[in-house]
Each structure stands twice: as C-alpha cells, then as structure tokens.
C-alpha cells in the first residue's frame, strides 16, 4: 500500500504564516506588558550611596574615539535629586579639557556634580547629570558637561545598570555620540568591630 506524503515545500509557507501571525499577535503584548508592569519601584527605591564603575567610548566630531574608564560615588535622595563625585580617566589621544573642574583636595575626585532622576514602576528610569562649569586658565567659565542616562534597577534597588543616551561635552553646542555604561551597587553600612571589655 502506498501512502501519499505532503511535500515539505508545501508545509513551509503554512508554518511561516503561523509563525508571523504568532509574533504579530503575541509579540506586542510583551512590549505592552513591560511598559505597564508595576514592580513597585519609585524614586524612593533609589536612595542612598551607590558606588559605580564607568566604561565606554566617546566619538568626537574630529573622528577621534576617546576611551573612558572611571568610578563614581552617587548619593540619591529618594525624591528625584542626586549629587555625585567621580574620577574618570581618558585614553592618551584625548585633548585636555578646556578648563579645570572643581576637585576635592583630599580625594582628587571631581565634585559638585548634581542632577535629577525619575524611577518608573517597572524599575526602569532616567537621570541627567549636570557637571559644574569649568574654569579656564584666564579665569573665564565654560558650561559643564550634561549627560543623560537610562537605567534599570535590580536586586530590590540595590543595583543600578546604566547606559548613556546623550553626552554634551563641556562648552559644546550639542551632544556627541557615545557608548558608555556603568554598573553600580548600593553601599551597605560598614560594620565596626565590637570591642570586648
């Protein structure tokens, strides 16, 4: 007895059609679900001191790519404001900054960095860092850098993962392309050793 087999070539368009329909019907649901997801996060979730490592590249209009590596300590107030100090190094091909930034005389970290942030219910968010003006060698002032960042919180708000979405260098008319990310972790209280009497 001979059995008729359907050609595999005829099955492929039908399978492909069902796959496309499944993506169209169910694919958008997951995107909508994330934007309306409520994981209970708010500005209050991001509060306290966070130590971060920073890494990435800045692509200057001159065609030069500058690599950046650094560390930062950021204090989030739980109400949408923050202050930060950082110490960031640039690759040797970077031009010197057009002026000097405020520096802590003891630690050598750049200071007076401030900003605002917003945490959404799904534990995503955004913040903007405003760097202080730079002082030129002649005593003039140049507007400081402005950096806009997108982030996600994890581990109940104890970890922050970021990417830079806009970087305007000091005194520049607008943003330049950049690929910079950071990973931060909330500081835990330092336990002091107990002295026995």
N, C-alpha and C. Protein backbone atom coordinates (compact mmCIF):
# COMPACT_ATOMS: atom_id res chain seq x y z
N UNK A 1 0.84 -1.16 0.00
CA UNK A 1 0.00 0.00 0.00
C UNK A 1 0.89 1.24 0.00
N UNK A 2 0.52 2.15 -0.77
CA UNK A 2 1.31 3.36 -0.91
C UNK A 2 0.62 4.51 -0.18
N UNK A 3 1.39 5.29 0.58
CA UNK A 3 0.85 6.44 1.29
C UNK A 3 1.27 7.70 0.57
N UNK A 4 0.35 8.60 0.56
CA UNK A 4 0.67 9.89 -0.05
C UNK A 4 1.30 10.78 1.02
N UNK A 5 2.42 11.36 0.69
CA UNK A 5 3.08 12.30 1.60
C UNK A 5 2.97 13.69 1.03
N UNK A 6 2.67 14.63 1.95
CA UNK A 6 2.62 16.01 1.52
C UNK A 6 4.05 16.51 1.38
N UNK A 7 4.29 17.26 0.35
CA UNK A 7 5.62 17.78 0.10
C UNK A 7 6.04 18.73 1.21
N UNK A 8 7.30 18.61 1.74
CA UNK A 8 7.78 19.53 2.77
C UNK A 8 7.77 20.98 2.28
N UNK A 9 7.90 21.17 0.98
CA UNK A 9 7.91 22.53 0.43
C UNK A 9 6.56 23.20 0.62
N UNK A 10 5.47 22.41 0.59
CA UNK A 10 4.14 22.99 0.78
C UNK A 10 3.89 23.34 2.24
N UNK A 11 4.55 22.65 3.18
CA UNK A 11 4.36 22.91 4.60
C UNK A 11 5.06 24.19 5.05
N UNK A 12 6.17 24.53 4.45
CA UNK A 12 6.96 25.68 4.88
C UNK A 12 6.18 26.99 4.85
N UNK A 13 5.45 27.33 3.77
CA UNK A 13 4.71 28.60 3.79
C UNK A 13 3.65 28.64 4.89
N UNK A 14 3.01 27.52 5.18
CA UNK A 14 1.97 27.48 6.21
C UNK A 14 2.61 27.69 7.59
N UNK A 15 3.72 27.01 7.85
CA UNK A 15 4.41 27.16 9.13
C UNK A 15 4.91 28.59 9.29
N UNK A 16 5.46 29.16 8.23
CA UNK A 16 5.95 30.53 8.27
C UNK A 16 4.81 31.51 8.54
N UNK A 17 3.65 31.28 7.91
CA UNK A 17 2.49 32.14 8.12
C UNK A 17 2.06 32.11 9.58
N UNK A 18 2.01 30.90 10.19
CA UNK A 18 1.64 30.79 11.60
C UNK A 18 2.67 31.46 12.50
N UNK A 19 3.93 31.35 12.19
CA UNK A 19 4.98 31.99 12.99
C UNK A 19 4.85 33.51 12.95
N UNK A 20 4.60 34.05 11.76
CA UNK A 20 4.43 35.50 11.62
C UNK A 20 3.21 35.97 12.38
N UNK A 21 2.11 35.24 12.27
CA UNK A 21 0.89 35.61 12.99
C UNK A 21 1.10 35.56 14.50
N UNK A 22 1.82 34.55 14.99
CA UNK A 22 2.09 34.45 16.42
C UNK A 22 2.89 35.65 16.92
N UNK A 23 3.89 36.05 16.16
CA UNK A 23 4.70 37.22 16.54
C UNK A 23 3.84 38.47 16.55
N UNK A 24 3.02 38.65 15.53
CA UNK A 24 2.15 39.83 15.46
C UNK A 24 1.14 39.86 16.60
N UNK A 25 0.57 38.71 16.92
CA UNK A 25 -0.46 38.67 17.96
C UNK A 25 0.12 38.75 19.37
N UNK A 26 1.21 38.03 19.62
CA UNK A 26 1.72 37.93 20.98
C UNK A 26 2.97 38.76 21.23
N UNK A 27 3.70 39.12 20.20
CA UNK A 27 4.94 39.88 20.37
C UNK A 27 4.71 41.25 20.98
N UNK A 28 3.67 41.95 20.55
CA UNK A 28 3.39 43.28 21.09
C UNK A 28 2.89 43.23 22.52
N UNK A 29 2.29 42.11 22.92
CA UNK A 29 1.80 42.01 24.29
C UNK A 29 2.92 42.10 25.30
N UNK A 30 4.06 41.47 25.02
CA UNK A 30 5.16 41.53 25.97
C UNK A 30 5.72 42.93 26.05
N UNK A 31 5.78 43.65 24.95
CA UNK A 31 6.26 45.04 24.99
C UNK A 31 5.29 45.91 25.77
N UNK A 32 3.99 45.72 25.56
CA UNK A 32 3.00 46.49 26.31
C UNK A 32 3.03 46.10 27.77
N UNK A 33 3.24 44.82 28.05
CA UNK A 33 3.25 44.37 29.44
C UNK A 33 4.38 45.03 30.20
N UNK A 34 5.56 45.18 29.60
CA UNK A 34 6.67 45.81 30.30
C UNK A 34 6.39 47.28 30.57
N UNK A 35 5.78 47.98 29.61
CA UNK A 35 5.55 49.41 29.82
C UNK A 35 4.48 49.66 30.87
N UNK A 36 3.63 48.68 31.15
CA UNK A 36 2.60 48.85 32.18
C UNK A 36 2.89 47.97 33.39
N UNK A 37 4.05 47.34 33.41
CA UNK A 37 4.44 46.46 34.50
C UNK A 37 4.61 47.29 35.77
N UNK A 38 4.11 46.80 36.88
CA UNK A 38 4.27 47.51 38.14
C UNK A 38 5.03 46.61 39.10
N UNK A 39 6.34 46.86 39.20
CA UNK A 39 7.17 46.09 40.12
C UNK A 39 7.32 46.81 41.45
N UNK A 40 6.58 47.91 41.61
CA UNK A 40 6.60 48.63 42.88
C UNK A 40 7.74 49.61 43.05
N UNK A 41 8.48 49.90 41.99
CA UNK A 41 9.59 50.85 42.11
C UNK A 41 9.08 52.28 42.04
N UNK A 42 9.82 53.17 42.66
CA UNK A 42 9.54 54.60 42.63
C UNK A 42 10.86 55.34 42.91
N UNK A 43 10.82 56.65 42.94
CA UNK A 43 12.03 57.40 43.27
C UNK A 43 12.60 56.97 44.61
N UNK A 44 11.72 56.58 45.55
CA UNK A 44 12.16 56.16 46.87
C UNK A 44 12.97 54.86 46.83
N UNK A 45 12.80 54.05 45.78
CA UNK A 45 13.57 52.81 45.64
C UNK A 45 15.05 53.12 45.47
N UNK A 46 15.35 54.23 44.81
CA UNK A 46 16.74 54.63 44.54
C UNK A 46 17.12 55.67 45.57
N UNK A 47 17.66 55.21 46.69
CA UNK A 47 18.03 56.11 47.77
C UNK A 47 19.31 55.61 48.43
N UNK A 48 20.17 56.54 48.81
CA UNK A 48 21.43 56.19 49.46
C UNK A 48 22.62 56.37 48.53
N UNK A 49 23.76 55.83 48.96
CA UNK A 49 25.02 55.96 48.21
C UNK A 49 25.26 54.73 47.35
N UNK A 50 25.63 54.96 46.08
CA UNK A 50 25.91 53.89 45.13
C UNK A 50 27.32 54.08 44.57
N UNK A 51 28.12 53.03 44.63
CA UNK A 51 29.46 53.02 44.05
C UNK A 51 29.37 52.39 42.67
N UNK A 52 29.92 53.08 41.66
CA UNK A 52 29.78 52.61 40.27
C UNK A 52 31.12 52.58 39.55
N UNK A 53 31.21 51.64 38.61
CA UNK A 53 32.31 51.65 37.64
C UNK A 53 31.74 52.15 36.32
N UNK A 54 32.56 52.89 35.57
CA UNK A 54 32.14 53.52 34.31
C UNK A 54 33.10 53.09 33.22
N UNK A 55 32.56 52.76 32.05
CA UNK A 55 33.41 52.32 30.95
C UNK A 55 32.75 52.66 29.62
N UNK A 56 33.56 53.10 28.66
CA UNK A 56 32.99 53.35 27.35
C UNK A 56 33.84 54.20 26.45
N UNK A 57 33.19 54.71 25.39
CA UNK A 57 33.88 55.49 24.36
C UNK A 57 33.05 56.70 23.98
N UNK A 58 33.77 57.78 23.62
CA UNK A 58 33.14 58.98 23.09
C UNK A 58 33.68 59.16 21.68
N UNK A 59 32.79 59.43 20.73
CA UNK A 59 33.16 59.60 19.32
C UNK A 59 33.08 61.08 18.97
N UNK A 60 34.23 61.72 18.91
CA UNK A 60 34.28 63.17 18.70
C UNK A 60 34.08 63.52 17.22
N UNK A 61 33.56 64.74 16.94
CA UNK A 61 33.35 65.17 15.55
C UNK A 61 34.64 65.15 14.71
N UNK A 62 35.79 65.25 15.37
CA UNK A 62 37.07 65.25 14.65
C UNK A 62 37.42 63.85 14.12
N UNK A 63 36.65 62.84 14.52
CA UNK A 63 36.94 61.47 14.11
C UNK A 63 37.71 60.68 15.16
N UNK A 64 38.13 61.34 16.20
CA UNK A 64 38.87 60.68 17.28
C UNK A 64 37.89 59.95 18.20
N UNK A 65 38.26 58.74 18.58
CA UNK A 65 37.49 57.97 19.56
C UNK A 65 38.26 57.99 20.87
N UNK A 66 37.62 58.48 21.91
CA UNK A 66 38.24 58.58 23.23
C UNK A 66 37.65 57.51 24.14
N UNK A 67 38.51 56.69 24.72
CA UNK A 67 38.06 55.68 25.66
C UNK A 67 38.03 56.27 27.06
N UNK A 68 37.03 55.87 27.86
CA UNK A 68 36.88 56.38 29.22
C UNK A 68 36.74 55.21 30.18
N UNK A 69 37.39 55.33 31.32
CA UNK A 69 37.26 54.37 32.42
C UNK A 69 37.20 55.18 33.71
N UNK A 70 36.29 54.82 34.59
CA UNK A 70 36.21 55.60 35.81
C UNK A 70 35.38 54.94 36.90
N UNK A 71 35.29 55.69 37.98
CA UNK A 71 34.50 55.28 39.14
C UNK A 71 33.73 56.50 39.63
N UNK A 72 32.60 56.25 40.28
CA UNK A 72 31.79 57.34 40.81
C UNK A 72 31.11 56.91 42.09
N UNK A 73 30.83 57.90 42.94
CA UNK A 73 30.01 57.69 44.13
C UNK A 73 28.85 58.66 44.01
N UNK A 74 27.64 58.11 43.96
CA UNK A 74 26.44 58.92 43.75
C UNK A 74 25.51 58.77 44.94
N UNK A 75 25.00 59.91 45.43
CA UNK A 75 24.03 59.89 46.52
C UNK A 75 22.66 60.28 45.97
N UNK A 76 21.72 59.31 45.97
CA UNK A 76 20.34 59.55 45.55
C UNK A 76 19.52 59.83 46.81
N UNK A 77 18.69 60.90 46.75
CA UNK A 77 17.95 61.30 47.96
C UNK A 77 16.59 60.63 48.12
N UNK A 78 16.17 59.79 47.17
CA UNK A 78 14.89 59.12 47.27
C UNK A 78 13.72 59.98 46.80
N UNK A 79 14.02 61.23 46.40
CA UNK A 79 12.97 62.16 45.98
C UNK A 79 13.23 62.74 44.60
N UNK A 80 14.18 62.16 43.84
CA UNK A 80 14.42 62.60 42.47
C UNK A 80 15.61 63.51 42.28
N UNK A 81 16.47 63.66 43.30
CA UNK A 81 17.67 64.51 43.18
C UNK A 81 18.89 63.69 43.59
N UNK A 82 20.04 64.06 43.03
CA UNK A 82 21.26 63.37 43.44
C UNK A 82 22.48 64.29 43.34
N UNK A 83 23.52 63.88 44.04
CA UNK A 83 24.84 64.52 43.93
C UNK A 83 25.84 63.41 43.63
N UNK A 84 26.96 63.80 43.03
CA UNK A 84 27.93 62.78 42.62
C UNK A 84 29.34 63.34 42.65
N UNK A 85 30.28 62.45 42.93
CA UNK A 85 31.71 62.72 42.72
C UNK A 85 32.22 61.61 41.82
N UNK A 86 33.22 61.92 40.99
CA UNK A 86 33.76 60.88 40.12
C UNK A 86 35.24 61.08 39.86
N UNK A 87 35.86 60.02 39.38
CA UNK A 87 37.25 60.05 38.95
C UNK A 87 37.30 59.24 37.66
N UNK A 88 37.41 59.94 36.52
CA UNK A 88 37.34 59.29 35.21
C UNK A 88 38.62 59.60 34.43
N UNK A 89 39.20 58.56 33.85
CA UNK A 89 40.40 58.71 33.03
C UNK A 89 40.03 58.59 31.56
N UNK A 90 40.78 59.28 30.72
CA UNK A 90 40.58 59.22 29.26
C UNK A 90 41.81 58.64 28.61
N UNK A 91 41.63 58.04 27.43
CA UNK A 91 42.77 57.49 26.69
C UNK A 91 43.73 58.61 26.32
N UNK A 92 45.01 58.27 26.06
CA UNK A 92 46.03 59.29 25.78
C UNK A 92 45.74 60.18 24.56
N UNK A 93 44.87 59.74 23.65
CA UNK A 93 44.59 60.55 22.46
C UNK A 93 43.57 61.66 22.72
N UNK A 94 43.04 61.73 23.96
CA UNK A 94 42.05 62.76 24.28
C UNK A 94 42.72 64.12 24.46
N UNK A 95 42.08 65.14 23.93
CA UNK A 95 42.58 66.50 24.15
C UNK A 95 42.35 66.87 25.61
N UNK A 96 43.18 67.76 26.15
CA UNK A 96 42.94 68.19 27.53
C UNK A 96 41.61 68.94 27.63
N UNK A 97 40.97 68.88 28.79
CA UNK A 97 39.71 69.61 28.93
C UNK A 97 39.94 71.11 28.74
N UNK A 98 38.89 71.84 28.33
CA UNK A 98 39.05 73.27 28.06
C UNK A 98 39.16 74.12 29.33
N UNK A 99 39.16 73.50 30.48
CA UNK A 99 39.29 74.20 31.76
C UNK A 99 39.37 73.19 32.87
N UNK A 100 39.43 73.69 34.10
CA UNK A 100 39.54 72.79 35.24
C UNK A 100 38.22 72.72 35.99
N UNK A 101 37.91 71.52 36.48
CA UNK A 101 36.69 71.28 37.23
C UNK A 101 37.01 71.32 38.72
N UNK A 102 36.01 71.56 39.55
CA UNK A 102 36.24 71.51 41.00
C UNK A 102 36.69 70.12 41.42
N UNK A 103 37.72 70.06 42.26
CA UNK A 103 38.29 68.79 42.70
C UNK A 103 38.42 68.81 44.22
N UNK A 104 38.07 67.68 44.84
CA UNK A 104 38.27 67.54 46.28
C UNK A 104 39.77 67.49 46.56
N UNK A 105 40.30 68.37 47.41
CA UNK A 105 41.75 68.41 47.63
C UNK A 105 42.31 67.17 48.32
N UNK A 106 41.46 66.40 48.99
CA UNK A 106 41.93 65.20 49.68
C UNK A 106 41.85 63.97 48.80
N UNK A 107 40.69 63.76 48.15
CA UNK A 107 40.49 62.52 47.38
C UNK A 107 40.91 62.66 45.92
N UNK A 108 40.92 63.88 45.37
CA UNK A 108 41.22 64.08 43.96
C UNK A 108 40.02 63.82 43.05
N UNK A 109 38.85 63.51 43.63
CA UNK A 109 37.64 63.27 42.85
C UNK A 109 37.04 64.61 42.41
N UNK A 110 36.42 64.60 41.20
CA UNK A 110 35.68 65.77 40.74
C UNK A 110 34.41 65.89 41.58
N UNK A 111 34.05 67.12 41.93
CA UNK A 111 32.91 67.35 42.82
C UNK A 111 31.87 68.25 42.16
N UNK A 112 30.83 68.56 42.92
CA UNK A 112 29.76 69.48 42.52
C UNK A 112 28.96 69.00 41.32
N UNK A 113 28.89 67.70 41.12
CA UNK A 113 28.06 67.13 40.06
C UNK A 113 26.67 66.88 40.66
N UNK A 114 25.63 67.40 40.01
CA UNK A 114 24.28 67.29 40.53
C UNK A 114 23.34 66.81 39.43
N UNK A 115 22.14 66.42 39.83
CA UNK A 115 21.18 66.02 38.82
C UNK A 115 19.84 65.64 39.39
N UNK A 116 18.97 65.25 38.47
CA UNK A 116 17.63 64.79 38.83
C UNK A 116 17.41 63.42 38.20
N UNK A 117 16.49 62.65 38.81
CA UNK A 117 16.19 61.33 38.27
C UNK A 117 14.72 61.00 38.44
N UNK A 118 14.27 60.03 37.65
CA UNK A 118 12.91 59.51 37.74
C UNK A 118 12.97 57.99 37.64
N UNK A 119 12.35 57.32 38.60
CA UNK A 119 12.24 55.86 38.59
C UNK A 119 10.78 55.52 38.29
N UNK A 120 10.57 54.62 37.33
CA UNK A 120 9.22 54.22 36.95
C UNK A 120 8.84 52.94 37.69
N UNK A 121 7.54 52.64 37.71
CA UNK A 121 7.03 51.48 38.46
C UNK A 121 7.66 50.16 38.03
N UNK A 122 8.11 50.07 36.76
CA UNK A 122 8.72 48.82 36.28
C UNK A 122 10.22 48.74 36.58
N UNK A 123 10.73 49.65 37.40
CA UNK A 123 12.13 49.70 37.85
C UNK A 123 13.10 50.15 36.75
N UNK A 124 12.58 50.80 35.71
CA UNK A 124 13.44 51.48 34.74
C UNK A 124 13.45 52.95 35.12
N UNK A 125 14.33 53.72 34.51
CA UNK A 125 14.35 55.14 34.82
C UNK A 125 15.33 55.91 33.98
N UNK A 126 15.43 57.18 34.30
CA UNK A 126 16.35 58.08 33.60
C UNK A 126 16.90 59.09 34.59
N UNK A 127 18.14 59.52 34.36
CA UNK A 127 18.67 60.65 35.13
C UNK A 127 19.54 61.52 34.25
N UNK A 128 19.69 62.76 34.68
CA UNK A 128 20.51 63.74 33.97
C UNK A 128 21.53 64.31 34.94
N UNK A 129 22.81 64.25 34.54
CA UNK A 129 23.90 64.79 35.36
C UNK A 129 24.30 66.14 34.78
N UNK A 130 24.36 67.14 35.65
CA UNK A 130 24.86 68.46 35.28
C UNK A 130 26.21 68.65 35.96
N UNK A 131 27.25 68.75 35.16
CA UNK A 131 28.59 68.97 35.69
C UNK A 131 28.80 70.46 35.91
N UNK A 132 29.60 70.83 36.90
CA UNK A 132 29.80 72.26 37.17
C UNK A 132 30.59 72.92 36.04
N UNK A 133 30.50 74.25 35.93
CA UNK A 133 31.28 74.95 34.91
C UNK A 133 32.78 74.72 35.12
N UNK A 134 33.52 74.73 34.02
CA UNK A 134 34.99 74.64 34.08
C UNK A 134 35.56 76.05 34.13
N UNK A 135 36.66 76.19 34.83
CA UNK A 135 37.35 77.48 34.90
C UNK A 135 38.54 77.43 33.95
N UNK A 136 38.62 78.41 33.04
CA UNK A 136 39.72 78.46 32.07
C UNK A 136 40.97 79.04 32.73
N UNK A 137 42.08 78.93 32.06
CA UNK A 137 43.35 79.46 32.58
C UNK A 137 43.33 80.98 32.71
N UNK A 138 42.42 81.63 31.99
CA UNK A 138 42.32 83.10 32.08
C UNK A 138 41.25 83.53 33.09
N UNK A 139 40.64 82.57 33.79
CA UNK A 139 39.63 82.88 34.79
C UNK A 139 38.21 82.88 34.24
N UNK A 140 38.07 82.58 32.97
CA UNK A 140 36.74 82.51 32.37
C UNK A 140 36.00 81.24 32.79
N UNK A 141 34.77 81.13 32.35
CA UNK A 141 33.94 79.99 32.71
C UNK A 141 33.35 79.35 31.45
N UNK A 142 33.37 78.01 31.42
CA UNK A 142 32.81 77.24 30.31
C UNK A 142 31.72 76.35 30.89
N UNK A 143 30.53 76.31 30.27
CA UNK A 143 29.47 75.44 30.81
C UNK A 143 29.95 73.99 30.93
N UNK A 144 29.54 73.35 32.00
CA UNK A 144 29.93 71.97 32.24
C UNK A 144 29.19 70.99 31.33
N UNK A 145 29.65 69.76 31.34
CA UNK A 145 29.04 68.69 30.54
C UNK A 145 27.64 68.38 31.06
N UNK A 146 26.82 67.83 30.17
CA UNK A 146 25.49 67.33 30.53
C UNK A 146 25.37 65.92 29.98
N UNK A 147 25.03 64.98 30.85
CA UNK A 147 24.90 63.59 30.45
C UNK A 147 23.51 63.08 30.82
N UNK A 148 22.82 62.46 29.85
CA UNK A 148 21.51 61.86 30.08
C UNK A 148 21.68 60.34 30.04
N UNK A 149 21.10 59.67 31.02
CA UNK A 149 21.31 58.24 31.21
C UNK A 149 19.96 57.53 31.35
N UNK A 150 19.86 56.33 30.78
CA UNK A 150 18.74 55.41 31.04
C UNK A 150 19.27 54.31 31.95
N UNK A 151 18.41 53.80 32.84
CA UNK A 151 18.88 52.77 33.76
C UNK A 151 17.78 51.77 34.10
N UNK A 152 18.22 50.65 34.64
CA UNK A 152 17.32 49.67 35.25
C UNK A 152 17.85 49.36 36.65
N UNK A 153 16.94 49.11 37.56
CA UNK A 153 17.30 48.72 38.92
C UNK A 153 17.07 47.23 39.07
N UNK A 154 17.92 46.59 39.85
CA UNK A 154 17.73 45.17 40.14
C UNK A 154 18.04 44.93 41.61
N UNK A 155 17.81 43.71 42.05
CA UNK A 155 18.11 43.31 43.42
C UNK A 155 17.42 44.23 44.43
N UNK A 156 16.15 44.52 44.19
CA UNK A 156 15.39 45.35 45.12
C UNK A 156 15.87 46.78 45.20
N UNK A 157 16.49 47.26 44.13
CA UNK A 157 17.00 48.63 44.12
C UNK A 157 18.43 48.76 44.62
N UNK A 158 19.08 47.64 44.93
CA UNK A 158 20.46 47.69 45.42
C UNK A 158 21.49 47.75 44.30
N UNK A 159 21.08 47.46 43.04
CA UNK A 159 21.99 47.53 41.90
C UNK A 159 21.37 48.42 40.83
N UNK A 160 22.23 49.20 40.16
CA UNK A 160 21.78 50.07 39.07
C UNK A 160 22.67 49.80 37.85
N UNK A 161 22.05 49.61 36.69
CA UNK A 161 22.75 49.33 35.44
C UNK A 161 22.37 50.44 34.46
N UNK A 162 23.36 51.13 33.90
CA UNK A 162 23.07 52.32 33.10
C UNK A 162 23.72 52.31 31.73
N UNK A 163 23.12 53.09 30.81
CA UNK A 163 23.74 53.42 29.52
C UNK A 163 23.51 54.91 29.27
N UNK A 164 24.52 55.55 28.71
CA UNK A 164 24.42 56.96 28.36
C UNK A 164 23.67 57.08 27.04
N UNK A 165 22.64 57.95 27.02
CA UNK A 165 21.89 58.17 25.80
C UNK A 165 22.20 59.52 25.17
N UNK A 166 22.83 60.42 25.93
CA UNK A 166 23.21 61.73 25.39
C UNK A 166 24.35 62.29 26.22
N UNK A 167 25.41 62.74 25.55
CA UNK A 167 26.55 63.33 26.23
C UNK A 167 26.94 64.63 25.52
N UNK A 168 26.80 65.74 26.22
CA UNK A 168 27.22 67.04 25.69
C UNK A 168 28.50 67.43 26.43
N UNK A 169 29.65 67.46 25.74
CA UNK A 169 30.90 67.83 26.40
C UNK A 169 30.88 69.27 26.91
N UNK A 170 31.78 69.63 27.81
CA UNK A 170 31.83 71.00 28.32
C UNK A 170 31.95 72.02 27.19
N UNK A 171 31.06 73.00 27.20
CA UNK A 171 31.11 74.09 26.22
C UNK A 171 30.66 73.71 24.83
N UNK A 172 30.29 72.45 24.58
CA UNK A 172 29.90 72.03 23.23
C UNK A 172 28.48 72.51 22.91
N UNK A 173 28.21 72.74 21.62
CA UNK A 173 26.87 73.21 21.24
C UNK A 173 25.79 72.12 21.34
N UNK A 174 26.20 70.87 21.39
CA UNK A 174 25.23 69.78 21.46
C UNK A 174 25.90 68.47 21.75
N UNK A 175 25.11 67.40 21.83
CA UNK A 175 25.66 66.09 22.18
C UNK A 175 26.53 65.49 21.08
N UNK A 176 27.41 64.58 21.50
CA UNK A 176 28.24 63.80 20.58
C UNK A 176 27.91 62.33 20.81
N UNK A 177 28.14 61.47 19.81
CA UNK A 177 27.87 60.03 20.00
C UNK A 177 28.77 59.44 21.08
N UNK A 178 28.19 58.55 21.87
CA UNK A 178 28.95 57.89 22.94
C UNK A 178 28.38 56.52 23.20
N UNK A 179 29.24 55.60 23.59
CA UNK A 179 28.84 54.26 24.06
C UNK A 179 29.45 54.10 25.44
N UNK A 180 28.71 54.48 26.46
CA UNK A 180 29.22 54.44 27.83
C UNK A 180 28.18 53.75 28.70
N UNK A 181 28.66 52.91 29.60
CA UNK A 181 27.78 52.20 30.52
C UNK A 181 28.40 52.22 31.91
N UNK A 182 27.57 51.96 32.90
CA UNK A 182 28.09 51.83 34.26
C UNK A 182 27.29 50.78 35.01
N UNK A 183 27.94 50.25 36.02
CA UNK A 183 27.32 49.27 36.92
C UNK A 183 27.53 49.80 38.33
N UNK A 184 26.44 49.93 39.09
CA UNK A 184 26.55 50.45 40.45
C UNK A 184 25.90 49.55 41.46
N UNK A 185 26.37 49.68 42.67
CA UNK A 185 25.87 48.85 43.78
C UNK A 185 25.72 49.75 45.00
N UNK A 186 24.61 49.59 45.71
CA UNK A 186 24.35 50.37 46.91
C UNK A 186 25.32 49.98 48.02
N UNK A 187 25.87 51.00 48.67
CA UNK A 187 26.77 50.75 49.79
C UNK A 187 25.99 50.21 50.97
N UNK A 188 26.58 49.27 51.64
CA UNK A 188 25.99 48.73 52.86
C UNK A 188 26.71 49.37 54.04
N UNK A 189 26.04 49.48 55.17
CA UNK A 189 26.71 50.07 56.34
C UNK A 189 27.96 49.28 56.68
N UNK A 190 28.99 50.01 57.06
CA UNK A 190 30.24 49.38 57.46
C UNK A 190 30.09 48.94 58.91
N UNK A 191 30.29 47.66 59.12
CA UNK A 191 30.18 47.14 60.49
C UNK A 191 31.48 47.38 61.24
N UNK A 192 31.36 47.98 62.37
CA UNK A 192 32.52 48.23 63.22
C UNK A 192 32.78 47.03 64.11
N UNK A 193 34.03 46.68 64.31
CA UNK A 193 34.31 45.55 65.19
C UNK A 193 33.88 45.86 66.63
N UNK A 194 33.36 44.86 67.28
CA UNK A 194 32.92 45.03 68.66
C UNK A 194 34.12 44.82 69.57
N UNK A 195 34.33 45.78 70.46
CA UNK A 195 35.44 45.65 71.41
C UNK A 195 34.93 45.01 72.69
N UNK A 196 35.60 43.99 73.05
CA UNK A 196 35.22 43.33 74.29
C UNK A 196 35.92 43.98 75.45
N UNK A 197 35.19 44.17 76.55
CA UNK A 197 35.77 44.82 77.73
C UNK A 197 36.41 43.80 78.64
